[in-house]
Amino acid sequence: MSTTASPGGAPRRRTSAIIAIAAGAALLLGGGTTLAYWSTSQVLDVGTVESGDLNLSAPTAAEWTLNGAPVADISTVQIVPGDVIVMTQSSTLTLVGDNLEATLDATVSGAVLPAGVTAPTPAITVTGDPDLTALTEANDGAVATVSVTYAFPAATPDRELTDESFDFGDVELTLTQNP
């Protein structure tokens, strides 16, 4: 018996081995046989949740007083030194949420006032007198009332500040959720 390979015998065996490996791999991957393990699934009903609400209602019409007397139309008022004008306006709070806490603030912006007259800091009151930095769902439906007092300086000498226009600007009421 001869131990030498016939010419071309080794490449033939190598080709046959490669074909056999490829065929086995194709059978395993392509579905010749599949491995089956037990499995199951279950749909869990996790329910729904609704979001809360944080809002301010449309404000009521502003009410004005001049030296304590009601003013029907603020645009017809001509103030003089020593006069005090107060604007009061209300808005209803909406605070809905299990863990909701909010802060209520008011600012004056865009006021154009003559020298010596400054835009004041608005005063805020809320029905039930809560802490304005820790409003919660317990304050839902409460009425926030903002008042702003403008005082014409009584010590206005000579003819200073005559024929001047006062633009009280805007009062912005802001309800912000606390972090």
N, C-alpha and C. Protein backbone atom coordinates (compact mmCIF):
# COMPACT_ATOMS: atom_id res chain seq x y z
N MET A 1 0.81 -1.14 0.00
CA MET A 1 0.00 0.00 0.00
C MET A 1 0.87 1.22 0.00
N SER A 2 0.45 2.14 -0.74
CA SER A 2 1.25 3.34 -0.95
C SER A 2 0.79 4.42 0.02
N THR A 3 1.73 5.14 0.63
CA THR A 3 1.41 6.19 1.59
C THR A 3 1.40 7.55 0.93
N THR A 4 1.75 7.61 -0.27
CA THR A 4 1.72 8.90 -0.97
C THR A 4 0.34 9.13 -1.54
N ALA A 5 -0.08 10.33 -1.43
CA ALA A 5 -1.41 10.70 -1.91
C ALA A 5 -1.37 10.83 -3.40
N SER A 6 -2.45 10.50 -3.97
CA SER A 6 -2.53 10.66 -5.41
C SER A 6 -2.56 12.14 -5.74
N PRO A 7 -2.08 12.47 -6.89
CA PRO A 7 -2.09 13.89 -7.24
C PRO A 7 -3.53 14.41 -7.20
N GLY A 8 -3.70 15.49 -6.47
CA GLY A 8 -5.01 16.12 -6.36
C GLY A 8 -5.88 15.49 -5.30
N GLY A 9 -5.43 14.48 -4.54
CA GLY A 9 -6.24 13.82 -3.52
C GLY A 9 -6.49 14.69 -2.31
N ALA A 10 -5.47 15.43 -1.80
CA ALA A 10 -5.63 16.26 -0.60
C ALA A 10 -6.61 17.40 -0.84
N PRO A 11 -6.54 18.06 -1.96
CA PRO A 11 -7.51 19.14 -2.18
C PRO A 11 -8.92 18.59 -2.27
N ARG A 12 -9.10 17.35 -2.80
CA ARG A 12 -10.44 16.77 -2.91
C ARG A 12 -11.01 16.51 -1.51
N ARG A 13 -10.21 15.97 -0.63
CA ARG A 13 -10.68 15.70 0.72
C ARG A 13 -11.00 17.01 1.46
N ARG A 14 -10.17 18.00 1.25
CA ARG A 14 -10.39 19.29 1.88
C ARG A 14 -11.69 19.91 1.35
N THR A 15 -11.94 19.83 0.10
CA THR A 15 -13.17 20.36 -0.51
C THR A 15 -14.37 19.61 0.03
N SER A 16 -14.26 18.29 0.15
CA SER A 16 -15.36 17.50 0.68
C SER A 16 -15.65 17.88 2.13
N ALA A 17 -14.62 18.12 2.92
CA ALA A 17 -14.80 18.50 4.32
C ALA A 17 -15.47 19.87 4.43
N ILE A 18 -15.08 20.78 3.58
CA ILE A 18 -15.66 22.13 3.59
C ILE A 18 -17.13 22.06 3.20
N ILE A 19 -17.45 21.25 2.20
CA ILE A 19 -18.84 21.09 1.76
C ILE A 19 -19.68 20.47 2.88
N ALA A 20 -19.12 19.51 3.59
CA ALA A 20 -19.85 18.84 4.66
C ALA A 20 -20.10 19.80 5.82
N ILE A 21 -19.13 20.62 6.16
CA ILE A 21 -19.29 21.60 7.24
C ILE A 21 -20.33 22.64 6.84
N ALA A 22 -20.26 23.11 5.61
CA ALA A 22 -21.22 24.10 5.12
C ALA A 22 -22.63 23.54 5.12
N ALA A 23 -22.79 22.30 4.71
CA ALA A 23 -24.11 21.68 4.67
C ALA A 23 -24.66 21.52 6.09
N GLY A 24 -23.82 21.13 7.05
CA GLY A 24 -24.25 21.00 8.44
C GLY A 24 -24.67 22.34 9.02
N ALA A 25 -23.89 23.37 8.72
CA ALA A 25 -24.23 24.71 9.21
C ALA A 25 -25.53 25.19 8.61
N ALA A 26 -25.72 24.92 7.31
CA ALA A 26 -26.96 25.34 6.64
C ALA A 26 -28.15 24.64 7.25
N LEU A 27 -28.00 23.36 7.60
CA LEU A 27 -29.11 22.62 8.21
C LEU A 27 -29.46 23.19 9.59
N LEU A 28 -28.42 23.52 10.37
CA LEU A 28 -28.68 24.08 11.69
C LEU A 28 -29.31 25.47 11.62
N LEU A 29 -28.77 26.30 10.74
CA LEU A 29 -29.28 27.66 10.63
C LEU A 29 -30.55 27.74 9.81
N GLY A 30 -30.69 26.99 8.82
CA GLY A 30 -31.80 27.10 7.88
C GLY A 30 -33.02 26.33 8.28
N GLY A 31 -33.02 25.62 9.33
CA GLY A 31 -34.24 24.98 9.76
C GLY A 31 -34.27 23.49 9.56
N GLY A 32 -33.15 22.88 9.31
CA GLY A 32 -33.16 21.43 9.21
C GLY A 32 -33.65 20.85 10.52
N THR A 33 -33.14 21.40 11.64
CA THR A 33 -33.65 21.02 12.95
C THR A 33 -33.68 22.30 13.78
N THR A 34 -34.59 22.39 14.67
CA THR A 34 -34.66 23.57 15.55
C THR A 34 -34.63 23.10 16.99
N LEU A 35 -34.11 23.98 17.82
CA LEU A 35 -34.10 23.69 19.24
C LEU A 35 -35.31 24.37 19.84
N ALA A 36 -36.05 23.70 20.66
CA ALA A 36 -37.23 24.30 21.26
C ALA A 36 -37.06 24.30 22.77
N TYR A 37 -37.20 25.50 23.38
CA TYR A 37 -37.20 25.65 24.82
C TYR A 37 -38.59 26.10 25.21
N TRP A 38 -39.01 25.80 26.39
CA TRP A 38 -40.31 26.25 26.85
C TRP A 38 -40.30 27.76 26.97
N SER A 39 -41.41 28.36 26.66
CA SER A 39 -41.57 29.80 26.90
C SER A 39 -43.05 30.10 27.05
N THR A 40 -43.32 31.24 27.67
CA THR A 40 -44.70 31.67 27.83
C THR A 40 -44.69 33.19 27.92
N SER A 41 -45.83 33.79 27.76
CA SER A 41 -45.92 35.24 27.92
C SER A 41 -47.25 35.57 28.57
N GLN A 42 -47.33 36.73 29.15
CA GLN A 42 -48.53 37.17 29.84
C GLN A 42 -48.64 38.67 29.65
N VAL A 43 -49.80 39.16 29.26
CA VAL A 43 -50.04 40.59 29.12
C VAL A 43 -50.49 41.11 30.47
N LEU A 44 -49.78 42.11 30.96
CA LEU A 44 -50.11 42.69 32.25
C LEU A 44 -50.91 43.97 32.03
N ASP A 45 -52.05 44.10 32.65
CA ASP A 45 -52.86 45.29 32.53
C ASP A 45 -52.39 46.27 33.59
N VAL A 46 -51.66 47.32 33.17
CA VAL A 46 -51.09 48.25 34.13
C VAL A 46 -51.99 49.45 34.40
N GLY A 47 -53.11 49.54 33.72
CA GLY A 47 -54.06 50.61 33.99
C GLY A 47 -53.68 51.92 33.33
N THR A 48 -54.42 52.98 33.67
CA THR A 48 -54.17 54.30 33.11
C THR A 48 -54.05 55.31 34.24
N VAL A 49 -53.53 56.44 33.92
CA VAL A 49 -53.40 57.53 34.87
C VAL A 49 -53.75 58.82 34.13
N GLU A 50 -54.30 59.77 34.84
CA GLU A 50 -54.63 61.05 34.23
C GLU A 50 -53.73 62.13 34.81
N SER A 51 -53.43 63.13 33.99
CA SER A 51 -52.62 64.23 34.46
C SER A 51 -53.48 65.25 35.19
N GLY A 52 -52.86 66.01 36.04
CA GLY A 52 -53.54 67.06 36.79
C GLY A 52 -53.66 68.32 35.95
N ASP A 53 -53.82 69.46 36.61
CA ASP A 53 -53.97 70.73 35.91
C ASP A 53 -53.46 71.85 36.81
N LEU A 54 -52.85 72.82 36.19
CA LEU A 54 -52.37 74.02 36.85
C LEU A 54 -52.76 75.18 35.96
N ASN A 55 -53.64 76.07 36.44
CA ASN A 55 -54.15 77.10 35.55
C ASN A 55 -54.68 78.28 36.36
N LEU A 56 -54.83 79.39 35.65
CA LEU A 56 -55.48 80.58 36.17
C LEU A 56 -56.64 80.88 35.25
N SER A 57 -57.81 81.18 35.82
CA SER A 57 -58.95 81.52 34.97
C SER A 57 -58.76 82.91 34.37
N ALA A 58 -59.56 83.19 33.37
CA ALA A 58 -59.53 84.53 32.81
C ALA A 58 -59.87 85.50 33.93
N PRO A 59 -59.10 86.55 34.07
CA PRO A 59 -59.33 87.45 35.20
C PRO A 59 -60.64 88.23 35.07
N THR A 60 -61.12 88.64 36.21
CA THR A 60 -62.29 89.52 36.22
C THR A 60 -61.84 90.88 35.71
N ALA A 61 -62.78 91.75 35.41
CA ALA A 61 -62.44 93.11 34.99
C ALA A 61 -61.78 93.83 36.16
N ALA A 62 -60.82 94.67 35.85
CA ALA A 62 -60.14 95.43 36.89
C ALA A 62 -61.11 96.42 37.52
N GLU A 63 -60.99 96.54 38.83
CA GLU A 63 -61.76 97.54 39.56
C GLU A 63 -60.77 98.58 40.06
N TRP A 64 -61.13 99.85 39.91
CA TRP A 64 -60.25 100.95 40.29
C TRP A 64 -60.90 101.80 41.38
N THR A 65 -60.05 102.31 42.27
CA THR A 65 -60.51 103.31 43.22
C THR A 65 -59.53 104.48 43.18
N LEU A 66 -60.05 105.68 43.41
CA LEU A 66 -59.24 106.90 43.51
C LEU A 66 -59.52 107.47 44.89
N ASN A 67 -58.50 107.46 45.72
CA ASN A 67 -58.62 107.92 47.11
C ASN A 67 -59.77 107.21 47.83
N GLY A 68 -59.95 105.92 47.53
CA GLY A 68 -60.95 105.10 48.19
C GLY A 68 -62.31 105.08 47.53
N ALA A 69 -62.57 105.95 46.55
CA ALA A 69 -63.87 106.00 45.87
C ALA A 69 -63.79 105.22 44.56
N PRO A 70 -64.82 104.44 44.24
CA PRO A 70 -64.80 103.67 42.98
C PRO A 70 -64.70 104.58 41.76
N VAL A 71 -63.98 104.07 40.75
CA VAL A 71 -63.82 104.79 39.48
C VAL A 71 -64.43 103.92 38.39
N ALA A 72 -65.36 104.48 37.62
CA ALA A 72 -66.03 103.72 36.56
C ALA A 72 -65.12 103.53 35.35
N ASP A 73 -64.38 104.56 34.97
CA ASP A 73 -63.53 104.49 33.77
C ASP A 73 -62.20 105.15 34.09
N ILE A 74 -61.18 104.33 34.27
CA ILE A 74 -59.87 104.84 34.68
C ILE A 74 -59.28 105.81 33.66
N SER A 75 -59.65 105.68 32.39
CA SER A 75 -59.08 106.54 31.36
C SER A 75 -59.57 107.99 31.46
N THR A 76 -60.59 108.24 32.27
CA THR A 76 -61.10 109.61 32.42
C THR A 76 -60.53 110.31 33.64
N VAL A 77 -59.76 109.60 34.46
CA VAL A 77 -59.21 110.17 35.70
C VAL A 77 -58.05 111.09 35.39
N GLN A 78 -58.03 112.25 36.07
CA GLN A 78 -56.89 113.16 36.01
C GLN A 78 -56.41 113.35 37.44
N ILE A 79 -55.30 112.70 37.76
CA ILE A 79 -54.83 112.70 39.13
C ILE A 79 -54.03 113.96 39.44
N VAL A 80 -53.95 114.24 40.73
CA VAL A 80 -53.19 115.39 41.22
C VAL A 80 -52.29 114.90 42.34
N PRO A 81 -51.28 115.70 42.72
CA PRO A 81 -50.39 115.28 43.80
C PRO A 81 -51.16 114.87 45.05
N GLY A 82 -50.74 113.74 45.63
CA GLY A 82 -51.36 113.21 46.83
C GLY A 82 -52.42 112.15 46.54
N ASP A 83 -52.85 112.03 45.28
CA ASP A 83 -53.86 111.02 44.95
C ASP A 83 -53.27 109.61 45.02
N VAL A 84 -54.14 108.67 45.37
CA VAL A 84 -53.76 107.26 45.42
C VAL A 84 -54.77 106.48 44.58
N ILE A 85 -54.26 105.77 43.59
CA ILE A 85 -55.11 104.95 42.71
C ILE A 85 -54.79 103.49 43.00
N VAL A 86 -55.84 102.68 43.19
CA VAL A 86 -55.65 101.25 43.46
C VAL A 86 -56.41 100.44 42.42
N MET A 87 -55.73 99.50 41.80
CA MET A 87 -56.33 98.57 40.85
C MET A 87 -56.44 97.23 41.55
N THR A 88 -57.62 96.61 41.45
CA THR A 88 -57.84 95.30 42.04
C THR A 88 -58.44 94.39 40.98
N GLN A 89 -57.89 93.18 40.89
CA GLN A 89 -58.37 92.22 39.89
C GLN A 89 -58.23 90.81 40.45
N SER A 90 -59.16 89.93 40.08
CA SER A 90 -59.17 88.56 40.62
C SER A 90 -59.10 87.51 39.53
N SER A 91 -58.61 86.33 39.90
CA SER A 91 -58.52 85.18 39.01
C SER A 91 -58.67 83.93 39.87
N THR A 92 -59.33 82.91 39.32
CA THR A 92 -59.53 81.67 40.07
C THR A 92 -58.39 80.69 39.77
N LEU A 93 -57.89 80.04 40.80
CA LEU A 93 -56.78 79.10 40.67
C LEU A 93 -57.30 77.69 40.38
N THR A 94 -56.62 77.00 39.47
CA THR A 94 -56.86 75.58 39.24
C THR A 94 -55.59 74.85 39.64
N LEU A 95 -55.70 74.01 40.64
CA LEU A 95 -54.58 73.21 41.14
C LEU A 95 -55.08 71.79 41.34
N VAL A 96 -54.80 70.91 40.39
CA VAL A 96 -55.26 69.53 40.46
C VAL A 96 -54.05 68.62 40.27
N GLY A 97 -53.75 67.81 41.28
CA GLY A 97 -52.63 66.88 41.19
C GLY A 97 -52.27 66.37 42.57
N ASP A 98 -52.07 65.09 42.69
CA ASP A 98 -51.82 64.49 43.99
C ASP A 98 -50.62 65.09 44.72
N ASN A 99 -49.55 65.37 43.99
CA ASN A 99 -48.34 65.89 44.61
C ASN A 99 -48.00 67.28 44.10
N LEU A 100 -49.01 68.01 43.66
CA LEU A 100 -48.79 69.33 43.09
C LEU A 100 -48.59 70.37 44.18
N GLU A 101 -47.55 71.16 44.03
CA GLU A 101 -47.31 72.31 44.89
C GLU A 101 -46.85 73.44 43.98
N ALA A 102 -47.39 74.65 44.19
CA ALA A 102 -47.09 75.75 43.29
C ALA A 102 -46.89 77.05 44.06
N THR A 103 -46.30 78.01 43.37
CA THR A 103 -46.06 79.34 43.90
C THR A 103 -46.82 80.35 43.05
N LEU A 104 -47.44 81.32 43.70
CA LEU A 104 -48.17 82.38 43.01
C LEU A 104 -47.42 83.69 43.20
N ASP A 105 -47.21 84.40 42.10
CA ASP A 105 -46.45 85.64 42.13
C ASP A 105 -47.08 86.64 41.18
N ALA A 106 -46.85 87.91 41.41
CA ALA A 106 -47.36 88.96 40.52
C ALA A 106 -46.27 90.00 40.32
N THR A 107 -46.16 90.51 39.11
CA THR A 107 -45.19 91.55 38.78
C THR A 107 -45.84 92.59 37.89
N VAL A 108 -45.31 93.80 37.95
CA VAL A 108 -45.74 94.88 37.06
C VAL A 108 -44.67 95.00 35.98
N SER A 109 -45.12 95.06 34.73
CA SER A 109 -44.16 95.22 33.63
C SER A 109 -44.71 96.23 32.62
N GLY A 110 -43.81 96.89 31.95
CA GLY A 110 -44.19 97.81 30.88
C GLY A 110 -44.78 99.13 31.35
N ALA A 111 -44.67 99.42 32.65
CA ALA A 111 -45.21 100.68 33.16
C ALA A 111 -44.35 101.85 32.67
N VAL A 112 -45.01 102.91 32.23
CA VAL A 112 -44.33 104.14 31.83
C VAL A 112 -44.87 105.22 32.76
N LEU A 113 -44.07 105.55 33.74
CA LEU A 113 -44.50 106.48 34.78
C LEU A 113 -43.56 107.67 34.83
N PRO A 114 -44.09 108.84 35.14
CA PRO A 114 -43.23 110.03 35.25
C PRO A 114 -42.21 109.88 36.37
N ALA A 115 -41.18 110.69 36.33
CA ALA A 115 -40.16 110.68 37.37
C ALA A 115 -40.82 110.91 38.72
N GLY A 116 -40.39 110.15 39.71
CA GLY A 116 -40.92 110.27 41.05
C GLY A 116 -42.05 109.31 41.34
N VAL A 117 -42.62 108.69 40.30
CA VAL A 117 -43.68 107.71 40.49
C VAL A 117 -43.11 106.36 40.09
N THR A 118 -43.10 105.41 41.01
CA THR A 118 -42.51 104.11 40.72
C THR A 118 -43.60 103.05 40.63
N ALA A 119 -43.31 102.03 39.87
CA ALA A 119 -44.24 100.89 39.77
C ALA A 119 -44.12 100.09 41.06
N PRO A 120 -45.21 99.94 41.76
CA PRO A 120 -45.16 99.23 43.03
C PRO A 120 -45.14 97.72 42.85
N THR A 121 -44.87 97.04 43.93
CA THR A 121 -44.97 95.59 43.96
C THR A 121 -46.42 95.23 44.22
N PRO A 122 -47.02 94.41 43.37
CA PRO A 122 -48.42 94.02 43.59
C PRO A 122 -48.58 93.22 44.88
N ALA A 123 -49.71 93.42 45.53
CA ALA A 123 -50.07 92.63 46.71
C ALA A 123 -51.02 91.53 46.26
N ILE A 124 -50.83 90.32 46.76
CA ILE A 124 -51.68 89.19 46.37
C ILE A 124 -52.31 88.62 47.63
N THR A 125 -53.60 88.36 47.54
CA THR A 125 -54.29 87.61 48.59
C THR A 125 -55.02 86.46 47.92
N VAL A 126 -55.16 85.37 48.62
CA VAL A 126 -55.88 84.21 48.11
C VAL A 126 -56.89 83.80 49.18
N THR A 127 -58.10 83.47 48.74
CA THR A 127 -59.12 83.05 49.71
C THR A 127 -58.58 81.92 50.56
N GLY A 128 -58.82 81.99 51.83
CA GLY A 128 -58.29 80.99 52.76
C GLY A 128 -56.93 81.38 53.29
N ASP A 129 -56.33 82.46 52.76
CA ASP A 129 -55.04 82.99 53.21
C ASP A 129 -53.93 81.95 53.29
N PRO A 130 -53.69 81.19 52.22
CA PRO A 130 -52.62 80.17 52.26
C PRO A 130 -51.24 80.80 52.03
N ASP A 131 -50.24 79.99 52.23
CA ASP A 131 -48.86 80.36 51.90
C ASP A 131 -48.75 80.39 50.38
N LEU A 132 -48.42 81.53 49.80
CA LEU A 132 -48.39 81.67 48.34
C LEU A 132 -47.23 80.91 47.68
N THR A 133 -46.32 80.38 48.49
CA THR A 133 -45.22 79.60 47.92
C THR A 133 -45.45 78.10 48.04
N ALA A 134 -46.59 77.71 48.61
CA ALA A 134 -46.85 76.27 48.80
C ALA A 134 -48.34 75.98 48.58
N LEU A 135 -48.87 76.44 47.45
CA LEU A 135 -50.26 76.16 47.11
C LEU A 135 -50.39 74.71 46.65
N THR A 136 -51.46 74.05 47.06
CA THR A 136 -51.65 72.64 46.72
C THR A 136 -53.07 72.43 46.20
N GLU A 137 -53.41 71.17 45.97
CA GLU A 137 -54.75 70.83 45.49
C GLU A 137 -55.83 71.32 46.47
N ALA A 138 -55.48 71.50 47.72
CA ALA A 138 -56.43 72.03 48.70
C ALA A 138 -56.85 73.45 48.35
N ASN A 139 -56.04 74.14 47.53
CA ASN A 139 -56.35 75.52 47.12
C ASN A 139 -57.05 75.58 45.77
N ASP A 140 -57.40 74.42 45.20
CA ASP A 140 -58.09 74.40 43.91
C ASP A 140 -59.41 75.16 44.03
N GLY A 141 -59.64 76.09 43.11
CA GLY A 141 -60.86 76.89 43.12
C GLY A 141 -60.76 78.15 43.96
N ALA A 142 -59.66 78.35 44.65
CA ALA A 142 -59.48 79.57 45.44
C ALA A 142 -59.38 80.77 44.51
N VAL A 143 -59.75 81.92 45.01
CA VAL A 143 -59.68 83.15 44.22
C VAL A 143 -58.46 83.95 44.65
N ALA A 144 -57.61 84.26 43.67
CA ALA A 144 -56.44 85.10 43.92
C ALA A 144 -56.81 86.53 43.53
N THR A 145 -56.60 87.44 44.44
CA THR A 145 -56.89 88.85 44.18
C THR A 145 -55.59 89.63 44.23
N VAL A 146 -55.35 90.38 43.16
CA VAL A 146 -54.13 91.18 43.06
C VAL A 146 -54.54 92.64 43.17
N SER A 147 -53.83 93.37 43.98
CA SER A 147 -54.08 94.81 44.03
C SER A 147 -52.74 95.55 43.88
N VAL A 148 -52.81 96.64 43.15
CA VAL A 148 -51.63 97.45 42.91
C VAL A 148 -52.00 98.89 43.26
N THR A 149 -51.15 99.50 44.08
CA THR A 149 -51.40 100.86 44.53
C THR A 149 -50.36 101.80 43.90
N TYR A 150 -50.87 102.82 43.22
CA TYR A 150 -50.01 103.85 42.62
C TYR A 150 -50.27 105.15 43.37
N ALA A 151 -49.22 105.74 43.89
CA ALA A 151 -49.37 106.99 44.64
C ALA A 151 -48.66 108.11 43.90
N PHE A 152 -49.38 109.19 43.67
CA PHE A 152 -48.82 110.39 43.07
C PHE A 152 -48.17 111.16 44.22
N PRO A 153 -46.88 111.43 44.16
CA PRO A 153 -46.20 112.06 45.30
C PRO A 153 -46.86 113.38 45.70
N ALA A 154 -47.20 113.50 46.98
CA ALA A 154 -47.83 114.72 47.48
C ALA A 154 -46.85 115.90 47.45
N ALA A 155 -45.58 115.60 47.63
CA ALA A 155 -44.57 116.66 47.64
C ALA A 155 -44.05 116.89 46.22
N THR A 156 -44.96 117.28 45.32
CA THR A 156 -44.57 117.57 43.95
C THR A 156 -44.59 119.10 43.79
N PRO A 157 -43.40 119.71 43.73
CA PRO A 157 -43.35 121.18 43.73
C PRO A 157 -43.71 121.80 42.38
N ASP A 158 -44.04 123.08 42.47
CA ASP A 158 -44.29 123.92 41.30
C ASP A 158 -45.26 123.24 40.35
N ARG A 159 -44.87 123.15 39.09
CA ARG A 159 -45.74 122.55 38.07
C ARG A 159 -45.16 121.22 37.58
N GLU A 160 -44.32 120.61 38.40
CA GLU A 160 -43.74 119.32 38.01
C GLU A 160 -44.85 118.28 37.86
N LEU A 161 -44.70 117.43 36.89
CA LEU A 161 -45.59 116.32 36.59
C LEU A 161 -47.00 116.77 36.14
N THR A 162 -47.11 117.99 35.64
CA THR A 162 -48.39 118.41 35.07
C THR A 162 -48.46 117.94 33.64
N ASP A 163 -49.65 117.66 33.17
CA ASP A 163 -49.89 117.19 31.79
C ASP A 163 -49.03 115.98 31.42
N GLU A 164 -48.83 115.11 32.36
CA GLU A 164 -48.06 113.89 32.12
C GLU A 164 -49.01 112.72 31.90
N SER A 165 -48.55 111.75 31.14
CA SER A 165 -49.31 110.52 30.96
C SER A 165 -48.74 109.43 31.86
N PHE A 166 -49.62 108.69 32.45
CA PHE A 166 -49.23 107.56 33.28
C PHE A 166 -49.72 106.30 32.57
N ASP A 167 -48.82 105.37 32.32
CA ASP A 167 -49.21 104.06 31.77
C ASP A 167 -48.84 103.04 32.82
N PHE A 168 -49.85 102.47 33.43
CA PHE A 168 -49.59 101.53 34.52
C PHE A 168 -49.06 100.19 34.04
N GLY A 169 -48.97 100.01 32.73
CA GLY A 169 -48.41 98.76 32.20
C GLY A 169 -49.32 97.57 32.45
N ASP A 170 -48.71 96.45 32.68
CA ASP A 170 -49.45 95.20 32.89
C ASP A 170 -49.05 94.60 34.23
N VAL A 171 -50.00 93.94 34.84
CA VAL A 171 -49.73 93.15 36.03
C VAL A 171 -49.83 91.70 35.59
N GLU A 172 -48.74 90.98 35.77
CA GLU A 172 -48.73 89.57 35.37
C GLU A 172 -48.80 88.69 36.61
N LEU A 173 -49.84 87.89 36.65
CA LEU A 173 -50.04 86.92 37.72
C LEU A 173 -49.50 85.59 37.21
N THR A 174 -48.57 84.98 37.95
CA THR A 174 -47.92 83.75 37.50
C THR A 174 -48.07 82.65 38.56
N LEU A 175 -48.58 81.52 38.12
CA LEU A 175 -48.72 80.34 38.96
C LEU A 175 -47.73 79.30 38.43
N THR A 176 -46.74 78.92 39.24
CA THR A 176 -45.64 78.05 38.79
C THR A 176 -45.53 76.84 39.70
N GLN A 177 -45.46 75.66 39.08
CA GLN A 177 -45.27 74.43 39.87
C GLN A 177 -43.89 74.45 40.51
N ASN A 178 -43.85 74.10 41.78
CA ASN A 178 -42.57 74.00 42.49
C ASN A 178 -41.87 72.71 42.08
N PRO A 179 -40.54 72.76 42.00
CA PRO A 179 -39.81 71.54 41.64
C PRO A 179 -39.88 70.48 42.74
